[in-house]
N, C-alpha and C. Protein backbone atom coordinates (compact mmCIF):
# COMPACT_ATOMS: atom_id res chain seq x y z
N MET A 1 -33.19 14.38 4.51
CA MET A 1 -32.58 15.44 3.71
C MET A 1 -31.39 14.89 2.93
N ALA A 2 -31.31 15.19 1.65
CA ALA A 2 -30.22 14.70 0.82
C ALA A 2 -28.90 15.31 1.27
N ARG A 3 -27.85 14.50 1.27
CA ARG A 3 -26.53 14.97 1.64
C ARG A 3 -25.75 15.28 0.37
N HIS A 4 -24.98 16.35 0.43
CA HIS A 4 -24.19 16.76 -0.73
C HIS A 4 -22.78 16.19 -0.59
N SER A 5 -22.16 15.89 -1.72
CA SER A 5 -20.76 15.48 -1.71
C SER A 5 -19.91 16.66 -1.27
N LYS A 6 -18.64 16.37 -0.93
CA LYS A 6 -17.74 17.45 -0.50
C LYS A 6 -17.54 18.48 -1.60
N SER A 7 -17.44 18.01 -2.85
CA SER A 7 -17.25 18.96 -3.96
C SER A 7 -18.50 19.82 -4.14
N SER A 8 -19.69 19.20 -3.98
CA SER A 8 -20.92 19.97 -4.08
C SER A 8 -21.04 20.98 -2.95
N GLN A 9 -20.62 20.57 -1.76
CA GLN A 9 -20.66 21.48 -0.62
C GLN A 9 -19.73 22.68 -0.85
N ARG A 10 -18.55 22.41 -1.42
CA ARG A 10 -17.62 23.51 -1.71
C ARG A 10 -18.21 24.45 -2.74
N TRP A 11 -18.87 23.89 -3.77
CA TRP A 11 -19.48 24.72 -4.80
C TRP A 11 -20.59 25.58 -4.20
N LEU A 12 -21.45 24.98 -3.37
CA LEU A 12 -22.53 25.73 -2.75
C LEU A 12 -22.01 26.85 -1.85
N GLU A 13 -20.94 26.55 -1.12
CA GLU A 13 -20.35 27.56 -0.23
C GLU A 13 -19.76 28.70 -1.05
N ARG A 14 -19.11 28.36 -2.16
CA ARG A 14 -18.53 29.39 -3.03
C ARG A 14 -19.64 30.26 -3.61
N GLN A 15 -20.75 29.64 -4.01
CA GLN A 15 -21.87 30.41 -4.54
C GLN A 15 -22.43 31.37 -3.50
N ARG A 16 -22.50 30.92 -2.26
CA ARG A 16 -23.04 31.78 -1.21
C ARG A 16 -22.14 32.98 -0.96
N ARG A 17 -20.82 32.79 -1.14
CA ARG A 17 -19.87 33.88 -0.90
C ARG A 17 -19.67 34.77 -2.13
N ASP A 18 -20.09 34.30 -3.29
CA ASP A 18 -19.80 34.97 -4.56
C ASP A 18 -20.72 36.17 -4.75
N TYR A 19 -20.14 37.36 -4.82
CA TYR A 19 -20.92 38.59 -4.96
C TYR A 19 -21.76 38.57 -6.23
N PHE A 20 -21.17 38.15 -7.36
CA PHE A 20 -21.88 38.21 -8.62
C PHE A 20 -22.95 37.12 -8.72
N ALA A 21 -22.72 35.97 -8.11
CA ALA A 21 -23.76 34.94 -8.06
C ALA A 21 -24.96 35.45 -7.26
N LYS A 22 -24.68 36.15 -6.15
CA LYS A 22 -25.77 36.71 -5.34
C LYS A 22 -26.50 37.80 -6.12
N GLN A 23 -25.75 38.64 -6.83
CA GLN A 23 -26.39 39.69 -7.62
C GLN A 23 -27.27 39.11 -8.72
N ALA A 24 -26.78 38.03 -9.35
CA ALA A 24 -27.57 37.38 -10.40
C ALA A 24 -28.88 36.86 -9.83
N LEU A 25 -28.82 36.25 -8.66
CA LEU A 25 -30.03 35.72 -8.02
C LEU A 25 -30.98 36.85 -7.64
N ASP A 26 -30.44 37.90 -7.05
CA ASP A 26 -31.26 39.02 -6.59
C ASP A 26 -31.93 39.75 -7.77
N GLN A 27 -31.24 39.81 -8.91
CA GLN A 27 -31.75 40.56 -10.07
C GLN A 27 -32.53 39.69 -11.06
N GLY A 28 -32.65 38.39 -10.76
CA GLY A 28 -33.38 37.50 -11.65
C GLY A 28 -32.64 37.18 -12.93
N ARG A 29 -31.29 37.21 -12.88
CA ARG A 29 -30.49 36.87 -14.06
C ARG A 29 -30.41 35.36 -14.21
N VAL A 30 -30.20 34.91 -15.44
CA VAL A 30 -30.07 33.48 -15.70
C VAL A 30 -28.83 32.92 -15.03
N SER A 31 -27.72 33.68 -15.07
CA SER A 31 -26.48 33.23 -14.43
C SER A 31 -25.58 34.44 -14.18
N ARG A 32 -24.53 34.23 -13.39
CA ARG A 32 -23.58 35.30 -13.09
C ARG A 32 -22.79 35.72 -14.33
N ALA A 33 -22.79 34.89 -15.38
CA ALA A 33 -22.08 35.24 -16.61
C ALA A 33 -22.60 36.54 -17.21
N HIS A 34 -23.83 36.89 -16.91
CA HIS A 34 -24.41 38.15 -17.36
C HIS A 34 -23.45 39.31 -17.12
N PHE A 35 -22.83 39.33 -15.94
CA PHE A 35 -22.01 40.48 -15.55
C PHE A 35 -20.68 40.52 -16.29
N LYS A 36 -20.19 39.36 -16.74
CA LYS A 36 -18.96 39.36 -17.53
C LYS A 36 -19.17 40.11 -18.84
N LEU A 37 -20.26 39.77 -19.54
CA LEU A 37 -20.53 40.42 -20.81
C LEU A 37 -20.90 41.89 -20.59
N GLU A 38 -21.64 42.16 -19.55
CA GLU A 38 -22.00 43.55 -19.25
C GLU A 38 -20.74 44.39 -19.06
N GLN A 39 -19.76 43.86 -18.33
CA GLN A 39 -18.52 44.60 -18.08
C GLN A 39 -17.69 44.74 -19.35
N LEU A 40 -17.66 43.71 -20.17
CA LEU A 40 -16.95 43.81 -21.45
C LEU A 40 -17.61 44.86 -22.35
N ASP A 41 -18.93 44.88 -22.36
CA ASP A 41 -19.65 45.84 -23.17
C ASP A 41 -19.42 47.27 -22.67
N GLN A 42 -19.41 47.45 -21.36
CA GLN A 42 -19.17 48.77 -20.80
C GLN A 42 -17.78 49.28 -21.18
N ARG A 43 -16.81 48.39 -21.20
CA ARG A 43 -15.44 48.80 -21.50
C ARG A 43 -15.21 49.04 -22.98
N PHE A 44 -15.77 48.16 -23.83
CA PHE A 44 -15.43 48.20 -25.26
C PHE A 44 -16.56 48.71 -26.15
N LYS A 45 -17.76 48.98 -25.57
CA LYS A 45 -18.90 49.45 -26.37
C LYS A 45 -19.15 48.51 -27.54
N LEU A 46 -19.36 47.24 -27.21
CA LEU A 46 -19.50 46.20 -28.22
C LEU A 46 -20.85 46.19 -28.91
N LEU A 47 -21.90 46.56 -28.18
CA LEU A 47 -23.26 46.28 -28.64
C LEU A 47 -24.02 47.54 -29.03
N LYS A 48 -24.79 47.39 -30.12
CA LYS A 48 -25.71 48.43 -30.58
C LYS A 48 -27.05 47.76 -30.91
N PRO A 49 -28.15 48.49 -30.83
CA PRO A 49 -29.47 47.87 -30.97
C PRO A 49 -29.71 47.13 -32.28
N SER A 50 -29.09 47.57 -33.38
CA SER A 50 -29.41 47.00 -34.69
C SER A 50 -28.40 45.97 -35.17
N MET A 51 -27.59 45.41 -34.28
CA MET A 51 -26.53 44.49 -34.68
C MET A 51 -27.05 43.09 -34.98
N ASN A 52 -26.28 42.36 -35.82
CA ASN A 52 -26.48 40.93 -36.03
C ASN A 52 -25.37 40.20 -35.29
N VAL A 53 -25.74 39.30 -34.37
CA VAL A 53 -24.79 38.69 -33.44
C VAL A 53 -24.95 37.18 -33.42
N LEU A 54 -23.81 36.49 -33.41
CA LEU A 54 -23.77 35.04 -33.21
C LEU A 54 -23.14 34.76 -31.86
N GLU A 55 -23.85 34.02 -31.01
CA GLU A 55 -23.36 33.67 -29.68
C GLU A 55 -23.13 32.16 -29.62
N LEU A 56 -21.90 31.75 -29.34
CA LEU A 56 -21.53 30.34 -29.22
C LEU A 56 -21.32 30.00 -27.75
N GLY A 57 -21.74 28.78 -27.38
CA GLY A 57 -21.63 28.40 -25.97
C GLY A 57 -22.63 29.17 -25.13
N ALA A 58 -23.86 29.27 -25.63
CA ALA A 58 -24.84 30.19 -25.04
C ALA A 58 -25.49 29.68 -23.76
N ALA A 59 -25.57 28.36 -23.55
CA ALA A 59 -26.25 27.83 -22.36
C ALA A 59 -25.52 28.25 -21.08
N PRO A 60 -26.27 28.50 -20.02
CA PRO A 60 -27.74 28.39 -19.88
C PRO A 60 -28.51 29.61 -20.35
N GLY A 61 -27.80 30.69 -20.74
CA GLY A 61 -28.50 31.84 -21.28
C GLY A 61 -28.18 33.16 -20.60
N GLY A 62 -27.12 33.18 -19.78
CA GLY A 62 -26.75 34.42 -19.09
C GLY A 62 -26.39 35.54 -20.05
N TRP A 63 -25.56 35.23 -21.05
CA TRP A 63 -25.22 36.23 -22.05
C TRP A 63 -26.41 36.50 -22.96
N THR A 64 -27.15 35.45 -23.30
CA THR A 64 -28.30 35.59 -24.20
C THR A 64 -29.29 36.60 -23.64
N GLN A 65 -29.57 36.50 -22.37
CA GLN A 65 -30.52 37.41 -21.73
C GLN A 65 -30.04 38.86 -21.84
N PHE A 66 -28.75 39.07 -21.59
CA PHE A 66 -28.19 40.42 -21.69
C PHE A 66 -28.25 40.93 -23.13
N LEU A 67 -27.91 40.06 -24.09
CA LEU A 67 -27.93 40.44 -25.49
C LEU A 67 -29.35 40.80 -25.95
N GLU A 68 -30.33 40.05 -25.49
CA GLU A 68 -31.72 40.34 -25.87
C GLU A 68 -32.16 41.73 -25.40
N GLN A 69 -31.62 42.15 -24.26
CA GLN A 69 -31.95 43.48 -23.75
C GLN A 69 -31.29 44.59 -24.57
N ARG A 70 -30.15 44.29 -25.19
CA ARG A 70 -29.39 45.30 -25.92
C ARG A 70 -29.66 45.30 -27.42
N ILE A 71 -29.94 44.13 -27.97
CA ILE A 71 -30.17 44.02 -29.42
C ILE A 71 -31.67 43.97 -29.66
N THR A 72 -32.25 45.11 -29.87
CA THR A 72 -33.70 45.21 -29.97
C THR A 72 -34.19 45.32 -31.41
N GLN A 73 -33.27 45.60 -32.34
CA GLN A 73 -33.68 45.77 -33.74
C GLN A 73 -32.89 44.86 -34.69
N GLY A 74 -31.91 44.14 -34.17
CA GLY A 74 -31.09 43.28 -35.00
C GLY A 74 -31.49 41.82 -34.88
N THR A 75 -30.51 40.94 -35.07
CA THR A 75 -30.74 39.50 -35.04
C THR A 75 -29.74 38.84 -34.11
N LEU A 76 -30.22 37.94 -33.27
CA LEU A 76 -29.36 37.18 -32.36
C LEU A 76 -29.54 35.69 -32.63
N VAL A 77 -28.43 35.00 -32.89
CA VAL A 77 -28.42 33.56 -33.06
C VAL A 77 -27.60 32.96 -31.93
N ALA A 78 -28.19 32.07 -31.14
CA ALA A 78 -27.54 31.46 -29.98
C ALA A 78 -27.38 29.97 -30.22
N VAL A 79 -26.17 29.46 -29.99
CA VAL A 79 -25.85 28.06 -30.30
C VAL A 79 -25.29 27.36 -29.07
N ASP A 80 -25.82 26.18 -28.77
CA ASP A 80 -25.28 25.35 -27.69
C ASP A 80 -25.99 23.99 -27.75
N PRO A 81 -25.29 22.90 -27.41
CA PRO A 81 -25.97 21.60 -27.35
C PRO A 81 -26.89 21.47 -26.13
N LEU A 82 -26.68 22.32 -25.13
CA LEU A 82 -27.51 22.29 -23.92
C LEU A 82 -28.63 23.31 -24.02
N PRO A 83 -29.69 23.16 -23.22
CA PRO A 83 -30.83 24.09 -23.29
C PRO A 83 -30.42 25.52 -22.98
N ILE A 84 -30.98 26.45 -23.75
CA ILE A 84 -30.71 27.88 -23.60
C ILE A 84 -32.00 28.58 -23.21
N THR A 85 -31.94 29.39 -22.15
CA THR A 85 -33.07 30.24 -21.81
C THR A 85 -33.04 31.44 -22.73
N ALA A 86 -34.05 31.56 -23.60
CA ALA A 86 -34.03 32.61 -24.62
C ALA A 86 -35.45 33.06 -24.92
N ALA A 87 -35.56 34.31 -25.37
CA ALA A 87 -36.84 34.86 -25.78
C ALA A 87 -37.22 34.34 -27.17
N ALA A 88 -38.47 34.54 -27.53
CA ALA A 88 -38.99 33.98 -28.78
C ALA A 88 -38.28 34.54 -30.01
N GLN A 89 -37.81 35.79 -29.94
CA GLN A 89 -37.21 36.41 -31.12
C GLN A 89 -35.78 35.93 -31.38
N THR A 90 -35.17 35.25 -30.43
CA THR A 90 -33.81 34.74 -30.59
C THR A 90 -33.83 33.43 -31.37
N HIS A 91 -32.95 33.31 -32.35
CA HIS A 91 -32.81 32.06 -33.11
C HIS A 91 -31.91 31.12 -32.32
N VAL A 92 -32.48 30.05 -31.78
CA VAL A 92 -31.72 29.08 -30.97
C VAL A 92 -31.42 27.84 -31.81
N ILE A 93 -30.15 27.46 -31.83
CA ILE A 93 -29.72 26.23 -32.50
C ILE A 93 -29.16 25.30 -31.43
N GLU A 94 -29.82 24.16 -31.24
CA GLU A 94 -29.37 23.18 -30.24
C GLU A 94 -28.40 22.22 -30.90
N GLY A 95 -27.13 22.47 -30.72
CA GLY A 95 -26.09 21.64 -31.32
C GLY A 95 -24.73 22.25 -31.06
N SER A 96 -23.71 21.59 -31.53
CA SER A 96 -22.33 22.05 -31.34
C SER A 96 -21.80 22.62 -32.64
N ILE A 97 -21.25 23.82 -32.57
CA ILE A 97 -20.63 24.43 -33.74
C ILE A 97 -19.50 23.52 -34.22
N GLY A 98 -19.40 23.35 -35.51
CA GLY A 98 -18.41 22.43 -36.07
C GLY A 98 -19.00 21.10 -36.48
N GLU A 99 -20.21 20.77 -35.98
CA GLU A 99 -20.88 19.54 -36.39
C GLU A 99 -21.73 19.81 -37.63
N PRO A 100 -21.81 18.86 -38.57
CA PRO A 100 -22.46 19.13 -39.86
C PRO A 100 -23.89 19.66 -39.76
N ASP A 101 -24.73 19.06 -38.91
CA ASP A 101 -26.12 19.51 -38.83
C ASP A 101 -26.21 20.93 -38.29
N THR A 102 -25.40 21.23 -37.28
CA THR A 102 -25.41 22.57 -36.69
C THR A 102 -24.91 23.59 -37.70
N ASP A 103 -23.82 23.27 -38.39
CA ASP A 103 -23.26 24.21 -39.36
C ASP A 103 -24.21 24.44 -40.53
N ALA A 104 -24.94 23.40 -40.93
CA ALA A 104 -25.90 23.56 -42.02
C ALA A 104 -27.05 24.47 -41.60
N GLU A 105 -27.55 24.31 -40.40
CA GLU A 105 -28.62 25.17 -39.90
C GLU A 105 -28.13 26.60 -39.77
N LEU A 106 -26.90 26.74 -39.30
CA LEU A 106 -26.31 28.07 -39.15
C LEU A 106 -26.15 28.75 -40.51
N ALA A 107 -25.70 27.99 -41.49
CA ALA A 107 -25.52 28.55 -42.83
C ALA A 107 -26.84 29.04 -43.40
N THR A 108 -27.91 28.31 -43.15
CA THR A 108 -29.23 28.72 -43.64
C THR A 108 -29.63 30.07 -43.06
N LEU A 109 -29.30 30.29 -41.79
CA LEU A 109 -29.65 31.54 -41.13
C LEU A 109 -28.73 32.69 -41.55
N LEU A 110 -27.43 32.38 -41.70
CA LEU A 110 -26.44 33.45 -41.81
C LEU A 110 -26.00 33.77 -43.23
N ASP A 111 -26.31 32.93 -44.21
CA ASP A 111 -25.84 33.19 -45.57
C ASP A 111 -26.19 34.60 -46.07
N PRO A 112 -27.43 35.06 -45.85
CA PRO A 112 -27.72 36.43 -46.31
C PRO A 112 -27.54 37.49 -45.22
N LEU A 113 -26.92 37.12 -44.10
CA LEU A 113 -26.92 37.98 -42.92
C LEU A 113 -25.49 38.24 -42.43
N PRO A 114 -24.83 39.30 -42.89
CA PRO A 114 -23.48 39.57 -42.40
C PRO A 114 -23.49 39.92 -40.91
N LEU A 115 -22.56 39.33 -40.17
CA LEU A 115 -22.52 39.51 -38.72
C LEU A 115 -21.66 40.70 -38.32
N ASP A 116 -22.13 41.39 -37.30
CA ASP A 116 -21.36 42.48 -36.69
C ASP A 116 -20.47 41.99 -35.56
N LEU A 117 -20.87 40.88 -34.93
CA LEU A 117 -20.18 40.42 -33.72
C LEU A 117 -20.35 38.93 -33.56
N VAL A 118 -19.25 38.24 -33.25
CA VAL A 118 -19.27 36.83 -32.84
C VAL A 118 -18.77 36.76 -31.41
N LEU A 119 -19.56 36.12 -30.56
CA LEU A 119 -19.22 35.93 -29.15
C LEU A 119 -19.09 34.45 -28.86
N SER A 120 -18.09 34.08 -28.07
CA SER A 120 -17.96 32.68 -27.65
C SER A 120 -17.62 32.61 -26.17
N ASP A 121 -18.49 31.95 -25.43
CA ASP A 121 -18.23 31.65 -24.02
C ASP A 121 -18.07 30.14 -23.84
N MET A 122 -17.68 29.45 -24.93
CA MET A 122 -17.52 28.00 -24.87
C MET A 122 -16.37 27.62 -23.93
N ALA A 123 -16.56 26.52 -23.22
CA ALA A 123 -15.54 26.00 -22.31
C ALA A 123 -15.56 24.48 -22.37
N PRO A 124 -14.40 23.85 -22.22
CA PRO A 124 -14.36 22.38 -22.28
C PRO A 124 -14.92 21.74 -21.02
N ASN A 125 -15.34 20.49 -21.14
CA ASN A 125 -15.63 19.70 -19.95
C ASN A 125 -14.31 19.33 -19.29
N ILE A 126 -14.15 19.76 -18.05
CA ILE A 126 -12.86 19.61 -17.37
C ILE A 126 -12.63 18.16 -16.95
N SER A 127 -11.49 17.61 -17.38
CA SER A 127 -11.14 16.23 -17.02
C SER A 127 -10.20 16.19 -15.81
N GLY A 128 -9.54 17.32 -15.55
CA GLY A 128 -8.53 17.35 -14.49
C GLY A 128 -7.13 17.13 -15.00
N VAL A 129 -7.00 16.73 -16.25
CA VAL A 129 -5.69 16.57 -16.88
C VAL A 129 -5.37 17.89 -17.58
N ARG A 130 -4.45 18.66 -17.02
CA ARG A 130 -4.23 20.04 -17.46
C ARG A 130 -3.93 20.13 -18.96
N SER A 131 -3.06 19.29 -19.46
CA SER A 131 -2.67 19.39 -20.87
C SER A 131 -3.84 19.06 -21.79
N ALA A 132 -4.61 18.04 -21.42
CA ALA A 132 -5.77 17.65 -22.24
C ALA A 132 -6.85 18.73 -22.21
N ASP A 133 -7.08 19.29 -21.03
CA ASP A 133 -8.08 20.34 -20.90
C ASP A 133 -7.70 21.59 -21.70
N GLN A 134 -6.40 21.94 -21.67
CA GLN A 134 -5.96 23.11 -22.42
C GLN A 134 -6.06 22.88 -23.93
N ALA A 135 -5.73 21.68 -24.35
CA ALA A 135 -5.85 21.35 -25.78
C ALA A 135 -7.30 21.46 -26.23
N GLN A 136 -8.24 20.98 -25.43
CA GLN A 136 -9.65 21.06 -25.77
C GLN A 136 -10.13 22.51 -25.77
N ALA A 137 -9.64 23.29 -24.81
CA ALA A 137 -10.01 24.71 -24.75
C ALA A 137 -9.54 25.45 -26.00
N MET A 138 -8.32 25.15 -26.44
CA MET A 138 -7.79 25.81 -27.64
C MET A 138 -8.55 25.36 -28.89
N TYR A 139 -9.01 24.13 -28.90
CA TYR A 139 -9.83 23.66 -30.02
C TYR A 139 -11.10 24.48 -30.13
N LEU A 140 -11.75 24.76 -28.99
CA LEU A 140 -12.97 25.55 -29.00
C LEU A 140 -12.69 26.99 -29.42
N VAL A 141 -11.56 27.52 -28.98
CA VAL A 141 -11.16 28.88 -29.39
C VAL A 141 -11.00 28.95 -30.91
N GLU A 142 -10.36 27.94 -31.48
CA GLU A 142 -10.13 27.93 -32.93
C GLU A 142 -11.44 27.78 -33.70
N ILE A 143 -12.39 27.01 -33.16
CA ILE A 143 -13.70 26.89 -33.80
C ILE A 143 -14.41 28.25 -33.82
N ALA A 144 -14.32 28.98 -32.70
CA ALA A 144 -14.93 30.31 -32.64
C ALA A 144 -14.28 31.25 -33.64
N GLU A 145 -12.97 31.17 -33.75
CA GLU A 145 -12.27 32.02 -34.72
C GLU A 145 -12.70 31.68 -36.15
N GLU A 146 -12.80 30.39 -36.46
CA GLU A 146 -13.23 29.98 -37.80
C GLU A 146 -14.62 30.54 -38.13
N ALA A 147 -15.52 30.50 -37.15
CA ALA A 147 -16.86 31.05 -37.37
C ALA A 147 -16.79 32.55 -37.65
N ALA A 148 -15.93 33.23 -36.90
CA ALA A 148 -15.80 34.68 -37.09
C ALA A 148 -15.24 35.00 -38.47
N LEU A 149 -14.19 34.29 -38.88
CA LEU A 149 -13.59 34.57 -40.18
C LEU A 149 -14.56 34.25 -41.32
N LYS A 150 -15.46 33.32 -41.08
CA LYS A 150 -16.42 32.93 -42.12
C LYS A 150 -17.60 33.89 -42.20
N TRP A 151 -18.11 34.35 -41.05
CA TRP A 151 -19.39 35.04 -41.03
C TRP A 151 -19.31 36.53 -40.73
N LEU A 152 -18.22 37.03 -40.16
CA LEU A 152 -18.15 38.45 -39.83
C LEU A 152 -18.05 39.30 -41.09
N LYS A 153 -18.67 40.46 -41.06
CA LYS A 153 -18.46 41.43 -42.12
C LYS A 153 -17.21 42.25 -41.80
N PRO A 154 -16.56 42.85 -42.78
CA PRO A 154 -15.40 43.70 -42.50
C PRO A 154 -15.76 44.79 -41.49
N GLY A 155 -14.87 44.96 -40.51
CA GLY A 155 -15.13 45.90 -39.43
C GLY A 155 -15.79 45.28 -38.23
N GLY A 156 -16.21 43.99 -38.33
CA GLY A 156 -16.87 43.31 -37.22
C GLY A 156 -15.90 42.91 -36.12
N ASP A 157 -16.45 42.44 -35.00
CA ASP A 157 -15.66 42.13 -33.82
C ASP A 157 -15.87 40.68 -33.37
N LEU A 158 -14.88 40.18 -32.63
CA LEU A 158 -14.92 38.83 -32.05
C LEU A 158 -14.55 38.93 -30.58
N VAL A 159 -15.34 38.27 -29.73
CA VAL A 159 -15.01 38.14 -28.30
C VAL A 159 -15.07 36.66 -27.96
N VAL A 160 -13.98 36.12 -27.43
CA VAL A 160 -13.93 34.68 -27.19
C VAL A 160 -13.22 34.37 -25.87
N LYS A 161 -13.82 33.45 -25.11
CA LYS A 161 -13.20 33.00 -23.86
C LYS A 161 -11.95 32.18 -24.17
N VAL A 162 -10.89 32.48 -23.44
CA VAL A 162 -9.61 31.79 -23.60
C VAL A 162 -9.12 31.40 -22.21
N PHE A 163 -8.53 30.21 -22.09
CA PHE A 163 -7.92 29.79 -20.84
C PHE A 163 -6.41 29.92 -20.98
N GLN A 164 -5.81 30.73 -20.13
CA GLN A 164 -4.39 31.01 -20.22
C GLN A 164 -3.58 29.72 -20.09
N GLY A 165 -2.65 29.54 -21.02
CA GLY A 165 -1.83 28.33 -21.01
C GLY A 165 -1.20 28.13 -22.38
N GLU A 166 -0.75 26.93 -22.63
CA GLU A 166 -0.04 26.61 -23.86
C GLU A 166 -0.90 26.89 -25.10
N GLY A 167 -0.33 27.54 -26.07
CA GLY A 167 -0.99 27.79 -27.32
C GLY A 167 -1.65 29.15 -27.44
N VAL A 168 -1.85 29.84 -26.32
CA VAL A 168 -2.59 31.11 -26.36
C VAL A 168 -1.80 32.20 -27.08
N ASP A 169 -0.51 32.34 -26.76
CA ASP A 169 0.28 33.41 -27.36
C ASP A 169 0.33 33.28 -28.88
N ALA A 170 0.54 32.06 -29.36
CA ALA A 170 0.59 31.84 -30.81
C ALA A 170 -0.75 32.12 -31.45
N TRP A 171 -1.82 31.73 -30.77
CA TRP A 171 -3.15 31.97 -31.32
C TRP A 171 -3.45 33.47 -31.41
N VAL A 172 -3.10 34.21 -30.36
CA VAL A 172 -3.32 35.66 -30.37
C VAL A 172 -2.52 36.32 -31.50
N ALA A 173 -1.28 35.87 -31.69
CA ALA A 173 -0.46 36.42 -32.77
C ALA A 173 -1.12 36.19 -34.13
N GLY A 174 -1.69 35.01 -34.32
CA GLY A 174 -2.39 34.72 -35.57
C GLY A 174 -3.65 35.55 -35.73
N LEU A 175 -4.34 35.78 -34.63
CA LEU A 175 -5.58 36.58 -34.67
C LEU A 175 -5.29 38.01 -35.11
N ARG A 176 -4.13 38.51 -34.74
CA ARG A 176 -3.77 39.89 -35.09
C ARG A 176 -3.55 40.06 -36.60
N GLU A 177 -3.41 38.97 -37.32
CA GLU A 177 -3.31 39.07 -38.78
C GLU A 177 -4.66 39.40 -39.41
N HIS A 178 -5.74 39.12 -38.68
CA HIS A 178 -7.08 39.29 -39.23
C HIS A 178 -7.83 40.49 -38.64
N PHE A 179 -7.40 40.97 -37.47
CA PHE A 179 -8.10 42.05 -36.79
C PHE A 179 -7.13 43.19 -36.49
N ALA A 180 -7.66 44.40 -36.49
CA ALA A 180 -6.81 45.58 -36.29
C ALA A 180 -6.26 45.64 -34.86
N ARG A 181 -7.08 45.22 -33.87
CA ARG A 181 -6.64 45.27 -32.47
C ARG A 181 -7.11 44.02 -31.75
N VAL A 182 -6.24 43.47 -30.90
CA VAL A 182 -6.59 42.29 -30.09
C VAL A 182 -6.07 42.53 -28.68
N GLN A 183 -6.95 42.36 -27.69
CA GLN A 183 -6.58 42.48 -26.29
C GLN A 183 -7.08 41.28 -25.51
N LEU A 184 -6.31 40.84 -24.51
CA LEU A 184 -6.77 39.85 -23.55
C LEU A 184 -7.15 40.59 -22.28
N VAL A 185 -8.39 40.39 -21.83
CA VAL A 185 -8.88 41.11 -20.65
C VAL A 185 -9.59 40.13 -19.72
N LYS A 186 -9.59 40.48 -18.43
CA LYS A 186 -10.28 39.66 -17.43
C LYS A 186 -11.31 40.53 -16.73
N PRO A 187 -12.60 40.32 -17.04
CA PRO A 187 -13.63 41.12 -16.37
C PRO A 187 -13.61 40.90 -14.85
N LYS A 188 -14.06 41.89 -14.14
CA LYS A 188 -14.11 41.79 -12.68
C LYS A 188 -14.98 40.62 -12.24
N ALA A 189 -16.02 40.31 -13.01
CA ALA A 189 -16.94 39.22 -12.66
C ALA A 189 -16.34 37.83 -12.89
N SER A 190 -15.21 37.76 -13.57
CA SER A 190 -14.52 36.48 -13.73
C SER A 190 -13.80 36.15 -12.43
N ARG A 191 -13.99 34.95 -11.93
CA ARG A 191 -13.41 34.60 -10.64
C ARG A 191 -11.88 34.72 -10.67
N PRO A 192 -11.27 35.33 -9.65
CA PRO A 192 -9.83 35.56 -9.65
C PRO A 192 -9.00 34.29 -9.81
N GLU A 193 -9.49 33.19 -9.28
CA GLU A 193 -8.72 31.94 -9.34
C GLU A 193 -8.83 31.25 -10.70
N SER A 194 -9.74 31.69 -11.53
CA SER A 194 -9.94 31.06 -12.84
C SER A 194 -8.88 31.53 -13.83
N ARG A 195 -8.47 30.64 -14.72
CA ARG A 195 -7.52 30.99 -15.78
C ARG A 195 -8.20 31.65 -16.97
N GLU A 196 -9.51 31.82 -16.92
CA GLU A 196 -10.21 32.37 -18.06
C GLU A 196 -9.93 33.86 -18.23
N VAL A 197 -9.74 34.25 -19.48
CA VAL A 197 -9.70 35.64 -19.90
C VAL A 197 -10.51 35.72 -21.19
N TYR A 198 -10.71 36.91 -21.68
CA TYR A 198 -11.45 37.07 -22.93
C TYR A 198 -10.60 37.82 -23.94
N ALA A 199 -10.50 37.25 -25.13
CA ALA A 199 -9.83 37.92 -26.24
C ALA A 199 -10.87 38.79 -26.93
N VAL A 200 -10.58 40.08 -27.00
CA VAL A 200 -11.46 41.04 -27.67
C VAL A 200 -10.74 41.51 -28.92
N ALA A 201 -11.24 41.07 -30.08
CA ALA A 201 -10.61 41.38 -31.37
C ALA A 201 -11.52 42.36 -32.12
N ARG A 202 -10.99 43.51 -32.49
CA ARG A 202 -11.79 44.57 -33.09
C ARG A 202 -11.42 44.78 -34.55
N GLN A 203 -12.43 45.15 -35.31
CA GLN A 203 -12.26 45.59 -36.71
C GLN A 203 -11.65 44.50 -37.60
N TYR A 204 -12.46 43.52 -37.88
CA TYR A 204 -12.07 42.43 -38.79
C TYR A 204 -11.71 43.02 -40.16
N ARG A 205 -10.58 42.56 -40.66
CA ARG A 205 -10.08 43.10 -41.93
C ARG A 205 -10.77 42.50 -43.15
N GLY A 206 -11.42 41.35 -42.96
CA GLY A 206 -12.14 40.74 -44.06
C GLY A 206 -11.24 39.99 -45.02
């Protein structure tokens, strides 16, 4: 029998104790992330059946699966360099937002398609160096914001994962110049020990 490293053992033990991980397994969800978006949607009424939505950081597909259930008449574009579990009607782009090939493919899809919502669950690869990790996290946040400012129609919304730390307050202040309302919220499904929160920006001014 293969032996797990101590870090792997800790992860497996956490998964066994995690209510939302167990619920995801029991309900056949792709990942526990499903419940984060579900809770955000319940609170803010983000989704409607006929919306056009761009999802960044979509792998492995926890949010994608939830979005496919809610967006039955609109368009969903999911972007990630890693494999995404998605239905046939979802437009999947395997690449990183901000890279020329990915942006060109995205432009082909979105040029005639004004977006109602941009979602980002992107997260950096953790190095363990707090300052470097936070800088990378803020870079991903800014990429998501750039996509929203480029592709959202007036009145559209942005939801983006943010890790609390240096640069967040200034970024939120800047976001308020473009959106009527901005809130930082932590869904119940987000682990208490995690620094992640979600910025929910409503009514893009265009």
